[in-house]
Structures are given as C-alpha cells and as structure tokens.
PDB file of all heavy atoms in Angstrom:
ATOM      1  N   ILE A   1      94.574  83.297  27.237  1.00  0.00           N
ATOM      2  CA  ILE A   1      93.965  84.115  28.289  1.00  0.00           C
ATOM      3  C   ILE A   1      94.339  83.570  29.665  1.00  0.00           C
ATOM      4  O   ILE A   1      94.644  84.333  30.585  1.00  0.00           O
ATOM      5  CB  ILE A   1      92.436  84.188  28.109  1.00  0.00           C
ATOM      6  CG1 ILE A   1      92.105  85.002  26.851  1.00  0.00           C
ATOM      7  CG2 ILE A   1      91.756  84.800  29.337  1.00  0.00           C
ATOM      8  CD1 ILE A   1      90.655  84.901  26.411  1.00  0.00           C
ATOM      9  N   GLU A   2      94.327  82.254  29.810  1.00  0.00           N
ATOM     10  CA  GLU A   2      94.712  81.647  31.089  1.00  0.00           C
ATOM     11  C   GLU A   2      96.170  81.965  31.436  1.00  0.00           C
ATOM     12  O   GLU A   2      96.489  82.267  32.588  1.00  0.00           O
ATOM     13  CB  GLU A   2      94.501  80.139  31.052  1.00  0.00           C
ATOM     14  CG  GLU A   2      93.047  79.729  31.078  1.00  0.00           C
ATOM     15  CD  GLU A   2      92.849  78.229  30.965  1.00  0.00           C
ATOM     16  OE1 GLU A   2      93.841  77.475  30.964  1.00  0.00           O
ATOM     17  OE2 GLU A   2      91.690  77.811  30.889  1.00  0.00           O
ATOM     18  N   GLN A   3      97.049  81.898  30.443  1.00  0.00           N
ATOM     19  CA  GLN A   3      98.453  82.226  30.681  1.00  0.00           C
ATOM     20  C   GLN A   3      98.607  83.691  31.083  1.00  0.00           C
ATOM     21  O   GLN A   3      99.389  84.025  31.983  1.00  0.00           O
ATOM     22  CB  GLN A   3      99.290  81.941  29.428  1.00  0.00           C
ATOM     23  CG  GLN A   3      99.432  80.482  29.112  1.00  0.00           C
ATOM     24  CD  GLN A   3     100.059  80.255  27.741  1.00  0.00           C
ATOM     25  OE1 GLN A   3     100.156  81.177  26.934  1.00  0.00           O
ATOM     26  NE2 GLN A   3     100.470  79.024  27.478  1.00  0.00           N
ATOM     27  N   LEU A   4      97.855  84.558  30.411  1.00  0.00           N
ATOM     28  CA  LEU A   4      97.908  85.974  30.750  1.00  0.00           C
ATOM     29  C   LEU A   4      97.391  86.223  32.167  1.00  0.00           C
ATOM     30  O   LEU A   4      97.914  87.083  32.879  1.00  0.00           O
ATOM     31  CB  LEU A   4      97.098  86.797  29.734  1.00  0.00           C
ATOM     32  CG  LEU A   4      97.704  86.915  28.347  1.00  0.00           C
ATOM     33  CD1 LEU A   4      96.708  87.546  27.385  1.00  0.00           C
ATOM     34  CD2 LEU A   4      98.994  87.720  28.382  1.00  0.00           C
ATOM     35  N   GLN A   5      96.397  85.446  32.567  1.00  0.00           N
ATOM     36  CA  GLN A   5      95.860  85.585  33.924  1.00  0.00           C
ATOM     37  C   GLN A   5      96.938  85.271  34.961  1.00  0.00           C
ATOM     38  O   GLN A   5      97.073  85.974  35.961  1.00  0.00           O
ATOM     39  CB  GLN A   5      94.651  84.673  34.115  1.00  0.00           C
ATOM     40  CG  GLN A   5      93.911  84.884  35.412  1.00  0.00           C
ATOM     41  CD  GLN A   5      93.260  86.250  35.491  1.00  0.00           C
ATOM     42  OE1 GLN A   5      92.850  86.812  34.488  1.00  0.00           O
ATOM     43  NE2 GLN A   5      93.173  86.789  36.671  1.00  0.00           N
ATOM     44  N   GLU A   6      97.711  84.217  34.697  1.00  0.00           N
ATOM     45  CA  GLU A   6      98.809  83.869  35.602  1.00  0.00           C
ATOM     46  C   GLU A   6      99.857  84.989  35.640  1.00  0.00           C
ATOM     47  O   GLU A   6     100.361  85.349  36.705  1.00  0.00           O
ATOM     48  CB  GLU A   6      99.463  82.552  35.179  1.00  0.00           C
ATOM     49  CG  GLU A   6      98.587  81.336  35.403  1.00  0.00           C
ATOM     50  CD  GLU A   6      98.264  81.113  36.870  1.00  0.00           C
ATOM     51  OE1 GLU A   6      99.175  81.257  37.712  1.00  0.00           O
ATOM     52  OE2 GLU A   6      97.106  80.801  37.166  1.00  0.00           O
ATOM     53  N   LYS A   7     100.178  85.532  34.472  1.00  0.00           N
ATOM     54  CA  LYS A   7     101.138  86.639  34.420  1.00  0.00           C
ATOM     55  C   LYS A   7     100.602  87.858  35.167  1.00  0.00           C
ATOM     56  O   LYS A   7     101.354  88.555  35.863  1.00  0.00           O
ATOM     57  CB  LYS A   7     101.436  87.028  32.964  1.00  0.00           C
ATOM     58  CG  LYS A   7     102.294  86.046  32.224  1.00  0.00           C
ATOM     59  CD  LYS A   7     102.539  86.570  30.817  1.00  0.00           C
ATOM     60  CE  LYS A   7     103.390  85.620  30.004  1.00  0.00           C
ATOM     61  NZ  LYS A   7     103.602  86.138  28.639  1.00  0.00           N
ATOM     62  N   LEU A   8      99.311  88.111  35.019  1.00  0.00           N
ATOM     63  CA  LEU A   8      98.694  89.251  35.692  1.00  0.00           C
ATOM     64  C   LEU A   8      98.786  89.100  37.212  1.00  0.00           C
ATOM     65  O   LEU A   8      99.127  90.053  37.916  1.00  0.00           O
ATOM     66  CB  LEU A   8      97.235  89.405  35.261  1.00  0.00           C
ATOM     67  CG  LEU A   8      96.452  90.546  35.913  1.00  0.00           C
ATOM     68  CD1 LEU A   8      97.096  91.894  35.596  1.00  0.00           C
ATOM     69  CD2 LEU A   8      95.002  90.520  35.447  1.00  0.00           C
ATOM     70  N   LEU A   9      98.520  87.908  37.694  1.00  0.00           N
ATOM     71  CA  LEU A   9      98.620  87.671  39.139  1.00  0.00           C
ATOM     72  C   LEU A   9     100.046  87.940  39.629  1.00  0.00           C
ATOM     73  O   LEU A   9     100.246  88.544  40.685  1.00  0.00           O
ATOM     74  CB  LEU A   9      98.192  86.251  39.481  1.00  0.00           C
ATOM     75  CG  LEU A   9      96.696  85.958  39.343  1.00  0.00           C
ATOM     76  CD1 LEU A   9      96.429  84.464  39.556  1.00  0.00           C
ATOM     77  CD2 LEU A   9      95.882  86.801  40.294  1.00  0.00           C
ATOM     78  N   GLY A  10     101.028  87.498  38.865  1.00  0.00           N
ATOM     79  CA  GLY A  10     102.423  87.750  39.224  1.00  0.00           C
ATOM     80  C   GLY A  10     102.739  89.239  39.233  1.00  0.00           C
ATOM     81  O   GLY A  10     103.415  89.740  40.138  1.00  0.00           O
ATOM     82  N   ALA A  11     102.250  89.956  38.234  1.00  0.00           N
ATOM     83  CA  ALA A  11     102.504  91.401  38.160  1.00  0.00           C
ATOM     84  C   ALA A  11     101.835  92.133  39.318  1.00  0.00           C
ATOM     85  O   ALA A  11     102.411  93.064  39.890  1.00  0.00           O
ATOM     86  CB  ALA A  11     102.012  91.948  36.828  1.00  0.00           C
ATOM     87  N   VAL A  12     100.642  91.708  39.678  1.00  0.00           N
ATOM     88  CA  VAL A  12      99.939  92.334  40.800  1.00  0.00           C
ATOM     89  C   VAL A  12     100.698  92.069  42.095  1.00  0.00           C
ATOM     90  O   VAL A  12     100.864  92.971  42.924  1.00  0.00           O
ATOM     91  CB  VAL A  12      98.477  91.827  40.894  1.00  0.00           C
ATOM     92  CG1 VAL A  12      97.826  92.237  42.199  1.00  0.00           C
ATOM     93  CG2 VAL A  12      97.665  92.328  39.704  1.00  0.00           C
ATOM     94  N   ARG A  13     101.179  90.852  42.273  1.00  0.00           N
ATOM     95  CA  ARG A  13     101.959  90.528  43.480  1.00  0.00           C
ATOM     96  C   ARG A  13     103.226  91.384  43.581  1.00  0.00           C
ATOM     97  O   ARG A  13     103.651  91.736  44.667  1.00  0.00           O
ATOM     98  CB  ARG A  13     102.326  89.045  43.491  1.00  0.00           C
ATOM     99  CG  ARG A  13     101.168  88.138  43.816  1.00  0.00           C
ATOM    100  CD  ARG A  13     101.616  86.690  43.971  1.00  0.00           C
ATOM    101  NE  ARG A  13     100.455  85.827  43.979  1.00  0.00           N
ATOM    102  CZ  ARG A  13     100.166  84.928  43.051  1.00  0.00           C
ATOM    103  NH1 ARG A  13     100.992  84.719  42.037  1.00  0.00           N
ATOM    104  NH2 ARG A  13      99.077  84.192  43.136  1.00  0.00           N
ATOM    105  N   ARG A  14     103.802  91.685  42.418  1.00  0.00           N
ATOM    106  CA  ARG A  14     105.013  92.514  42.395  1.00  0.00           C
ATOM    107  C   ARG A  14     104.683  94.014  42.427  1.00  0.00           C
ATOM    108  O   ARG A  14     105.570  94.842  42.407  1.00  0.00           O
ATOM    109  CB  ARG A  14     105.837  92.233  41.137  1.00  0.00           C
ATOM    110  CG  ARG A  14     106.447  90.860  41.063  1.00  0.00           C
ATOM    111  CD  ARG A  14     107.386  90.716  39.858  1.00  0.00           C
ATOM    112  NE  ARG A  14     106.868  91.240  38.597  1.00  0.00           N
ATOM    113  CZ  ARG A  14     106.108  90.571  37.733  1.00  0.00           C
ATOM    114  NH1 ARG A  14     105.754  89.321  37.996  1.00  0.00           N
ATOM    115  NH2 ARG A  14     105.711  91.117  36.609  1.00  0.00           N
ATOM    116  N   SER A  15     103.401  94.329  42.416  1.00  0.00           N
ATOM    117  CA  SER A  15     102.929  95.726  42.370  1.00  0.00           C
ATOM    118  C   SER A  15     103.440  96.439  41.118  1.00  0.00           C
ATOM    119  O   SER A  15     103.723  97.640  41.141  1.00  0.00           O
ATOM    120  CB  SER A  15     103.337  96.490  43.630  1.00  0.00           C
ATOM    121  OG  SER A  15     102.748  95.910  44.765  1.00  0.00           O
ATOM    122  N   ASP A  16     103.543  95.717  40.017  1.00  0.00           N
ATOM    123  CA  ASP A  16     104.006  96.269  38.745  1.00  0.00           C
ATOM    124  C   ASP A  16     102.785  96.692  37.931  1.00  0.00           C
ATOM    125  O   ASP A  16     102.225  95.916  37.163  1.00  0.00           O
ATOM    126  CB  ASP A  16     104.838  95.223  37.992  1.00  0.00           C
ATOM    127  CG  ASP A  16     105.504  95.785  36.753  1.00  0.00           C
ATOM    128  OD1 ASP A  16     105.127  96.890  36.308  1.00  0.00           O
ATOM    129  OD2 ASP A  16     106.402  95.103  36.225  1.00  0.00           O
ATOM    130  N   MET A  17     102.372  97.933  38.124  1.00  0.00           N
ATOM    131  CA  MET A  17     101.150  98.414  37.489  1.00  0.00           C
ATOM    132  C   MET A  17     101.280  98.534  35.965  1.00  0.00           C
ATOM    133  O   MET A  17     100.333  98.274  35.249  1.00  0.00           O
ATOM    134  CB  MET A  17     100.734  99.769  38.086  1.00  0.00           C
ATOM    135  CG  MET A  17     100.359  99.664  39.566  1.00  0.00           C
ATOM    136  SD  MET A  17      99.176  98.329  39.916  1.00  0.00           S
ATOM    137  CE  MET A  17      97.729  98.955  39.140  1.00  0.00           C
ATOM    138  N   ALA A  18     102.450  98.907  35.484  1.00  0.00           N
ATOM    139  CA  ALA A  18     102.644  99.026  34.032  1.00  0.00           C
ATOM    140  C   ALA A  18     102.473  97.666  33.360  1.00  0.00           C
ATOM    141  O   ALA A  18     101.780  97.546  32.347  1.00  0.00           O
ATOM    142  CB  ALA A  18     104.013  99.612  33.729  1.00  0.00           C
ATOM    143  N   ALA A  19     103.091  96.645  33.949  1.00  0.00           N
ATOM    144  CA  ALA A  19     102.964  95.295  33.388  1.00  0.00           C
ATOM    145  C   ALA A  19     101.527  94.810  33.504  1.00  0.00           C
ATOM    146  O   ALA A  19     101.000  94.193  32.571  1.00  0.00           O
ATOM    147  CB  ALA A  19     103.905  94.325  34.104  1.00  0.00           C
ATOM    148  N   SER A  20     100.879  95.126  34.618  1.00  0.00           N
ATOM    149  CA  SER A  20      99.483  94.716  34.814  1.00  0.00           C
ATOM    150  C   SER A  20      98.588  95.310  33.742  1.00  0.00           C
ATOM    151  O   SER A  20      97.733  94.626  33.174  1.00  0.00           O
ATOM    152  CB  SER A  20      98.975  95.152  36.198  1.00  0.00           C
ATOM    153  OG  SER A  20      99.687  94.521  37.218  1.00  0.00           O
ATOM    154  N   GLN A  21      98.771  96.586  33.450  1.00  0.00           N
ATOM    155  CA  GLN A  21      97.955  97.243  32.424  1.00  0.00           C
ATOM    156  C   GLN A  21      98.195  96.638  31.045  1.00  0.00           C
ATOM    157  O   GLN A  21      97.253  96.437  30.275  1.00  0.00           O
ATOM    158  CB  GLN A  21      98.226  98.746  32.415  1.00  0.00           C
ATOM    159  CG  GLN A  21      97.662  99.451  33.630  1.00  0.00           C
ATOM    160  CD  GLN A  21      97.979 100.929  33.639  1.00  0.00           C
ATOM    161  OE1 GLN A  21      98.884 101.390  32.931  1.00  0.00           O
ATOM    162  NE2 GLN A  21      97.252 101.682  34.447  1.00  0.00           N
ATOM    163  N   GLU A  22      99.441  96.336  30.732  1.00  0.00           N
ATOM    164  CA  GLU A  22      99.765  95.727  29.437  1.00  0.00           C
ATOM    165  C   GLU A  22      99.131  94.347  29.325  1.00  0.00           C
ATOM    166  O   GLU A  22      98.554  93.995  28.290  1.00  0.00           O
ATOM    167  CB  GLU A  22     101.289  95.639  29.262  1.00  0.00           C
ATOM    168  CG  GLU A  22     101.725  94.906  28.016  1.00  0.00           C
ATOM    169  CD  GLU A  22     101.274  95.569  26.719  1.00  0.00           C
ATOM    170  OE1 GLU A  22     101.128  96.794  26.682  1.00  0.00           O
ATOM    171  OE2 GLU A  22     101.054  94.825  25.737  1.00  0.00           O
ATOM    172  N   ILE A  23      99.214  93.569  30.381  1.00  0.00           N
ATOM    173  CA  ILE A  23      98.630  92.218  30.372  1.00  0.00           C
ATOM    174  C   ILE A  23      97.120  92.293  30.232  1.00  0.00           C
ATOM    175  O   ILE A  23      96.516  91.529  29.470  1.00  0.00           O
ATOM    176  CB  ILE A  23      99.050  91.444  31.647  1.00  0.00           C
ATOM    177  CG1 ILE A  23     100.553  91.167  31.615  1.00  0.00           C
ATOM    178  CG2 ILE A  23      98.263  90.143  31.777  1.00  0.00           C
ATOM    179  CD1 ILE A  23     101.128  90.710  32.942  1.00  0.00           C
ATOM    180  N   MET A  24      96.495  93.247  30.942  1.00  0.00           N
ATOM    181  CA  MET A  24      95.041  93.393  30.831  1.00  0.00           C
ATOM    182  C   MET A  24      94.630  93.809  29.421  1.00  0.00           C
ATOM    183  O   MET A  24      93.611  93.354  28.907  1.00  0.00           O
ATOM    184  CB  MET A  24      94.519  94.393  31.873  1.00  0.00           C
ATOM    185  CG  MET A  24      94.524  93.812  33.278  1.00  0.00           C
ATOM    186  SD  MET A  24      93.675  94.814  34.508  1.00  0.00           S
ATOM    187  CE  MET A  24      94.657  96.287  34.536  1.00  0.00           C
ATOM    188  N   ALA A  25      95.441  94.641  28.780  1.00  0.00           N
ATOM    189  CA  ALA A  25      95.157  95.036  27.396  1.00  0.00           C
ATOM    190  C   ALA A  25      95.234  93.817  26.476  1.00  0.00           C
ATOM    191  O   ALA A  25      94.378  93.636  25.595  1.00  0.00           O
ATOM    192  CB  ALA A  25      96.134  96.115  26.939  1.00  0.00           C
ATOM    193  N   GLN A  26      96.232  92.958  26.692  1.00  0.00           N
ATOM    194  CA  GLN A  26      96.361  91.740  25.886  1.00  0.00           C
ATOM    195  C   GLN A  26      95.172  90.808  26.131  1.00  0.00           C
ATOM    196  O   GLN A  26      94.649  90.197  25.196  1.00  0.00           O
ATOM    197  CB  GLN A  26      97.663  91.020  26.210  1.00  0.00           C
ATOM    198  CG  GLN A  26      98.902  91.746  25.746  1.00  0.00           C
ATOM    199  CD  GLN A  26     100.178  91.055  26.208  1.00  0.00           C
ATOM    200  OE1 GLN A  26     100.161  89.925  26.677  1.00  0.00           O
ATOM    201  NE2 GLN A  26     101.295  91.760  26.072  1.00  0.00           N
ATOM    202  N   GLN A  27      94.752  90.703  27.397  1.00  0.00           N
ATOM    203  CA  GLN A  27      93.586  89.874  27.717  1.00  0.00           C
ATOM    204  C   GLN A  27      92.344  90.406  27.002  1.00  0.00           C
ATOM    205  O   GLN A  27      91.567  89.629  26.448  1.00  0.00           O
ATOM    206  CB  GLN A  27      93.323  89.852  29.225  1.00  0.00           C
ATOM    207  CG  GLN A  27      94.188  88.915  29.987  1.00  0.00           C
ATOM    208  CD  GLN A  27      93.822  88.903  31.464  1.00  0.00           C
ATOM    209  OE1 GLN A  27      93.593  89.948  32.057  1.00  0.00           O
ATOM    210  NE2 GLN A  27      93.761  87.723  32.033  1.00  0.00           N
ATOM    211  N   ASN A  28      92.168  91.710  27.035  1.00  0.00           N
ATOM    212  CA  ASN A  28      91.002  92.308  26.382  1.00  0.00           C
ATOM    213  C   ASN A  28      90.989  92.027  24.885  1.00  0.00           C
ATOM    214  O   ASN A  28      89.935  91.760  24.303  1.00  0.00           O
ATOM    215  CB  ASN A  28      90.952  93.814  26.650  1.00  0.00           C
ATOM    216  CG  ASN A  28      90.579  94.134  28.081  1.00  0.00           C
ATOM    217  OD1 ASN A  28      90.004  93.305  28.785  1.00  0.00           O
ATOM    218  ND2 ASN A  28      90.916  95.330  28.522  1.00  0.00           N
ATOM    219  N   GLU A  29      92.158  92.072  24.266  1.00  0.00           N
ATOM    220  CA  GLU A  29      92.254  91.764  22.836  1.00  0.00           C
ATOM    221  C   GLU A  29      91.868  90.310  22.562  1.00  0.00           C
ATOM    222  O   GLU A  29      91.138  90.022  21.615  1.00  0.00           O
ATOM    223  CB  GLU A  29      93.669  92.031  22.319  1.00  0.00           C
ATOM    224  CG  GLU A  29      94.029  93.491  22.232  1.00  0.00           C
ATOM    225  CD  GLU A  29      95.484  93.705  21.837  1.00  0.00           C
ATOM    226  OE1 GLU A  29      96.153  92.748  21.396  1.00  0.00           O
ATOM    227  OE2 GLU A  29      95.961  94.846  21.981  1.00  0.00           O
ATOM    228  N   ALA A  30      92.361  89.399  23.388  1.00  0.00           N
ATOM    229  CA  ALA A  30      92.056  87.979  23.201  1.00  0.00           C
ATOM    230  C   ALA A  30      90.571  87.709  23.443  1.00  0.00           C
ATOM    231  O   ALA A  30      89.935  86.953  22.697  1.00  0.00           O
ATOM    232  CB  ALA A  30      92.910  87.121  24.133  1.00  0.00           C
ATOM    233  N   ILE A  31      90.011  88.334  24.456  1.00  0.00           N
ATOM    234  CA  ILE A  31      88.581  88.165  24.736  1.00  0.00           C
ATOM    235  C   ILE A  31      87.753  88.736  23.593  1.00  0.00           C
ATOM    236  O   ILE A  31      86.757  88.132  23.178  1.00  0.00           O
ATOM    237  CB  ILE A  31      88.219  88.809  26.087  1.00  0.00           C
ATOM    238  CG1 ILE A  31      88.845  88.004  27.228  1.00  0.00           C
ATOM    239  CG2 ILE A  31      86.709  88.921  26.259  1.00  0.00           C
ATOM    240  CD1 ILE A  31      88.811  88.697  28.574  1.00  0.00           C
ATOM    241  N   ALA A  32      88.161  89.880  23.060  1.00  0.00           N
ATOM    242  CA  ALA A  32      87.447  90.476  21.922  1.00  0.00           C
ATOM    243  C   ALA A  32      87.466  89.534  20.714  1.00  0.00           C
ATOM    244  O   ALA A  32      86.475  89.409  19.991  1.00  0.00           O
ATOM    245  CB  ALA A  32      88.057  91.824  21.560  1.00  0.00           C
ATOM    246  N   GLU A  33      88.579  88.852  20.512  1.00  0.00           N
ATOM    247  CA  GLU A  33      88.667  87.902  19.395  1.00  0.00           C
ATOM    248  C   GLU A  33      87.748  86.707  19.632  1.00  0.00           C
ATOM    249  O   GLU A  33      87.094  86.223  18.703  1.00  0.00           O
ATOM    250  CB  GLU A  33      90.113  87.447  19.195  1.00  0.00           C
ATOM    251  CG  GLU A  33      90.306  86.475  18.056  1.00  0.00           C
ATOM    252  CD  GLU A  33      89.908  87.013  16.685  1.00  0.00           C
ATOM    253  OE1 GLU A  33      89.691  88.232  16.529  1.00  0.00           O
ATOM    254  OE2 GLU A  33      89.795  86.204  15.752  1.00  0.00           O
ATOM    255  N   LEU A  34      87.665  86.216  20.866  1.00  0.00           N
ATOM    256  CA  LEU A  34      86.729  85.123  21.174  1.00  0.00           C
ATOM    257  C   LEU A  34      85.291  85.561  20.910  1.00  0.00           C
ATOM    258  O   LEU A  34      84.496  84.801  20.338  1.00  0.00           O
ATOM    259  CB  LEU A  34      86.871  84.685  22.634  1.00  0.00           C
ATOM    260  CG  LEU A  34      88.023  83.760  22.959  1.00  0.00           C
ATOM    261  CD1 LEU A  34      88.105  83.523  24.464  1.00  0.00           C
ATOM    262  CD2 LEU A  34      87.908  82.446  22.227  1.00  0.00           C
ATOM    263  N   VAL A  35      84.962  86.772  21.306  1.00  0.00           N
ATOM    264  CA  VAL A  35      83.615  87.304  21.064  1.00  0.00           C
ATOM    265  C   VAL A  35      83.354  87.395  19.559  1.00  0.00           C
ATOM    266  O   VAL A  35      82.271  87.051  19.086  1.00  0.00           O
ATOM    267  CB  VAL A  35      83.428  88.666  21.758  1.00  0.00           C
ATOM    268  CG1 VAL A  35      82.153  89.357  21.310  1.00  0.00           C
ATOM    269  CG2 VAL A  35      83.435  88.489  23.278  1.00  0.00           C
ATOM    270  N   ARG A  36      84.362  87.827  18.797  1.00  0.00           N
ATOM    271  CA  ARG A  36      84.205  87.918  17.342  1.00  0.00           C
ATOM    272  C   ARG A  36      83.924  86.537  16.741  1.00  0.00           C
ATOM    273  O   ARG A  36      83.037  86.376  15.900  1.00  0.00           O
ATOM    274  CB  ARG A  36      85.464  88.517  16.695  1.00  0.00           C
ATOM    275  CG  ARG A  36      85.294  88.758  15.187  1.00  0.00           C
ATOM    276  CD  ARG A  36      86.618  89.049  14.523  1.00  0.00           C
ATOM    277  NE  ARG A  36      87.477  87.888  14.430  1.00  0.00           N
ATOM    278  CZ  ARG A  36      87.338  86.900  13.538  1.00  0.00           C
ATOM    279  NH1 ARG A  36      86.357  86.914  12.662  1.00  0.00           N
ATOM    280  NH2 ARG A  36      88.175  85.878  13.535  1.00  0.00           N
ATOM    281  N   LEU A  37      84.657  85.522  17.224  1.00  0.00           N
ATOM    282  CA  LEU A  37      84.440  84.165  16.719  1.00  0.00           C
ATOM    283  C   LEU A  37      83.037  83.674  17.065  1.00  0.00           C
ATOM    284  O   LEU A  37      82.397  82.988  16.256  1.00  0.00           O
ATOM    285  CB  LEU A  37      85.489  83.208  17.287  1.00  0.00           C
ATOM    286  CG  LEU A  37      86.919  83.383  16.775  1.00  0.00           C
ATOM    287  CD1 LEU A  37      87.871  82.469  17.522  1.00  0.00           C
ATOM    288  CD2 LEU A  37      86.994  83.151  15.273  1.00  0.00           C
ATOM    289  N   GLN A  38      82.545  84.036  18.234  1.00  0.00           N
ATOM    290  CA  GLN A  38      81.184  83.653  18.616  1.00  0.00           C
ATOM    291  C   GLN A  38      80.160  84.339  17.711  1.00  0.00           C
ATOM    292  O   GLN A  38      79.181  83.720  17.285  1.00  0.00           O
ATOM    293  CB  GLN A  38      80.912  84.000  20.079  1.00  0.00           C
ATOM    294  CG  GLN A  38      81.669  83.125  21.044  1.00  0.00           C
ATOM    295  CD  GLN A  38      81.522  83.580  22.481  1.00  0.00           C
ATOM    296  OE1 GLN A  38      80.974  84.634  22.773  1.00  0.00           O
ATOM    297  NE2 GLN A  38      82.030  82.777  23.401  1.00  0.00           N
ATOM    298  N   LYS A  39      80.391  85.604  17.378  1.00  0.00           N
ATOM    299  CA  LYS A  39      79.486  86.337  16.489  1.00  0.00           C
ATOM    300  C   LYS A  39      79.499  85.736  15.086  1.00  0.00           C
ATOM    301  O   LYS A  39      78.460  85.635  14.434  1.00  0.00           O
ATOM    302  CB  LYS A  39      79.846  87.816  16.443  1.00  0.00           C
ATOM    303  CG  LYS A  39      79.485  88.543  17.715  1.00  0.00           C
ATOM    304  CD  LYS A  39      79.885  89.997  17.644  1.00  0.00           C
ATOM    305  CE  LYS A  39      79.528  90.710  18.935  1.00  0.00           C
ATOM    306  NZ  LYS A  39      79.935  92.116  18.935  1.00  0.00           N
ATOM    307  N   VAL A  40      80.679  85.344  14.625  1.00  0.00           N
ATOM    308  CA  VAL A  40      80.787  84.697  13.307  1.00  0.00           C
ATOM    309  C   VAL A  40      79.948  83.427  13.290  1.00  0.00           C
ATOM    310  O   VAL A  40      79.219  83.161  12.333  1.00  0.00           O
ATOM    311  CB  VAL A  40      82.261  84.390  12.952  1.00  0.00           C
ATOM    312  CG1 VAL A  40      82.366  83.436  11.771  1.00  0.00           C
ATOM    313  CG2 VAL A  40      83.012  85.673  12.665  1.00  0.00           C
ATOM    314  N   TYR A  41      80.030  82.643  14.371  1.00  0.00           N
ATOM    315  CA  TYR A  41      79.254  81.405  14.446  1.00  0.00           C
ATOM    316  C   TYR A  41      77.764  81.701  14.426  1.00  0.00           C
ATOM    317  O   TYR A  41      77.002  81.043  13.707  1.00  0.00           O
ATOM    318  CB  TYR A  41      79.608  80.608  15.703  1.00  0.00           C
ATOM    319  CG  TYR A  41      78.694  79.417  15.902  1.00  0.00           C
ATOM    320  CD1 TYR A  41      78.717  78.361  15.006  1.00  0.00           C
ATOM    321  CD2 TYR A  41      77.798  79.373  16.961  1.00  0.00           C
ATOM    322  CE1 TYR A  41      77.870  77.277  15.171  1.00  0.00           C
ATOM    323  CE2 TYR A  41      76.953  78.292  17.127  1.00  0.00           C
ATOM    324  CZ  TYR A  41      76.992  77.251  16.236  1.00  0.00           C
ATOM    325  OH  TYR A  41      76.146  76.183  16.399  1.00  0.00           O
ATOM    326  N   GLN A  42      77.319  82.706  15.183  1.00  0.00           N
ATOM    327  CA  GLN A  42      75.899  83.050  15.216  1.00  0.00           C
ATOM    328  C   GLN A  42      75.413  83.513  13.842  1.00  0.00           C
ATOM    329  O   GLN A  42      74.332  83.137  13.388  1.00  0.00           O
ATOM    330  CB  GLN A  42      75.625  84.136  16.272  1.00  0.00           C
ATOM    331  CG  GLN A  42      75.834  83.664  17.692  1.00  0.00           C
ATOM    332  CD  GLN A  42      74.957  82.474  18.049  1.00  0.00           C
ATOM    333  OE1 GLN A  42      73.797  82.415  17.676  1.00  0.00           O
ATOM    334  NE2 GLN A  42      75.530  81.522  18.757  1.00  0.00           N
ATOM    335  N   GLN A  43      76.213  84.319  13.157  1.00  0.00           N
ATOM    336  CA  GLN A  43      75.862  84.767  11.808  1.00  0.00           C
ATOM    337  C   GLN A  43      75.821  83.588  10.846  1.00  0.00           C
ATOM    338  O   GLN A  43      74.923  83.497  10.000  1.00  0.00           O
ATOM    339  CB  GLN A  43      76.852  85.822  11.316  1.00  0.00           C
ATOM    340  CG  GLN A  43      76.756  87.123  12.071  1.00  0.00           C
ATOM    341  CD  GLN A  43      77.890  88.069  11.731  1.00  0.00           C
ATOM    342  OE1 GLN A  43      78.879  87.698  11.088  1.00  0.00           O
ATOM    343  NE2 GLN A  43      77.772  89.303  12.182  1.00  0.00           N
ATOM    344  N   HIS A  44      76.781  82.683  10.971  1.00  0.00           N
ATOM    345  CA  HIS A  44      76.829  81.494  10.125  1.00  0.00           C
ATOM    346  C   HIS A  44      75.575  80.645  10.337  1.00  0.00           C
ATOM    347  O   HIS A  44      74.965  80.174   9.380  1.00  0.00           O
ATOM    348  CB  HIS A  44      78.092  80.693  10.456  1.00  0.00           C
ATOM    349  CG  HIS A  44      78.212  79.405   9.715  1.00  0.00           C
ATOM    350  ND1 HIS A  44      78.595  79.347   8.395  1.00  0.00           N
ATOM    351  CD2 HIS A  44      77.997  78.126  10.110  1.00  0.00           C
ATOM    352  CE1 HIS A  44      78.604  78.081   8.004  1.00  0.00           C
ATOM    353  NE2 HIS A  44      78.253  77.327   9.016  1.00  0.00           N
ATOM    354  N   LYS A  45      75.202  80.487  11.605  1.00  0.00           N
ATOM    355  CA  LYS A  45      74.026  79.693  11.938  1.00  0.00           C
ATOM    356  C   LYS A  45      72.759  80.321  11.331  1.00  0.00           C
ATOM    357  O   LYS A  45      71.918  79.615  10.766  1.00  0.00           O
ATOM    358  CB  LYS A  45      73.898  79.631  13.471  1.00  0.00           C
ATOM    359  CG  LYS A  45      73.244  78.390  13.991  1.00  0.00           C
ATOM    360  CD  LYS A  45      73.512  78.215  15.475  1.00  0.00           C
ATOM    361  CE  LYS A  45      72.593  79.063  16.299  1.00  0.00           C
ATOM    362  NZ  LYS A  45      72.635  78.740  17.728  1.00  0.00           N
ATOM    363  N   ARG A  46      72.635  81.650  11.431  1.00  0.00           N
ATOM    364  CA  ARG A  46      71.479  82.337  10.839  1.00  0.00           C
ATOM    365  C   ARG A  46      71.458  82.174   9.323  1.00  0.00           C
ATOM    366  O   ARG A  46      70.409  81.942   8.725  1.00  0.00           O
ATOM    367  CB  ARG A  46      71.485  83.816  11.209  1.00  0.00           C
ATOM    368  CG  ARG A  46      70.964  84.081  12.608  1.00  0.00           C
ATOM    369  CD  ARG A  46      70.686  85.558  12.825  1.00  0.00           C
ATOM    370  NE  ARG A  46      71.883  86.372  12.856  1.00  0.00           N
ATOM    371  CZ  ARG A  46      72.603  86.638  13.933  1.00  0.00           C
ATOM    372  NH1 ARG A  46      72.255  86.135  15.085  1.00  0.00           N
ATOM    373  NH2 ARG A  46      73.665  87.398  13.859  1.00  0.00           N
TER     374      ARG A  46
END
C-alpha cells in the first residue's frame, strides 16, 4: 500500500488520471484484504 501511495503521488503529479484510478483500485484491493485479515482475527478470537 505504501508503494502504491508513492506511485499514486507520481501519477497525480503527471496528471495521469487513468494510472491514478488503476493505482487507487489496487490500493482498495489491498486495504480490503487487510480488513479481511482483521475480521479473521476477530472471528478467531471469538
């Protein structure tokens, strides 16, 4: 996610909206996976 954030900043500086949208989609997928892992832990704990 941190690497994608750096790429996103570069794409925004270049005004490359297509690349920005793709990077944000990848970030959302990675964040969703982190959330899933957190939910697994909470279920495991219960």
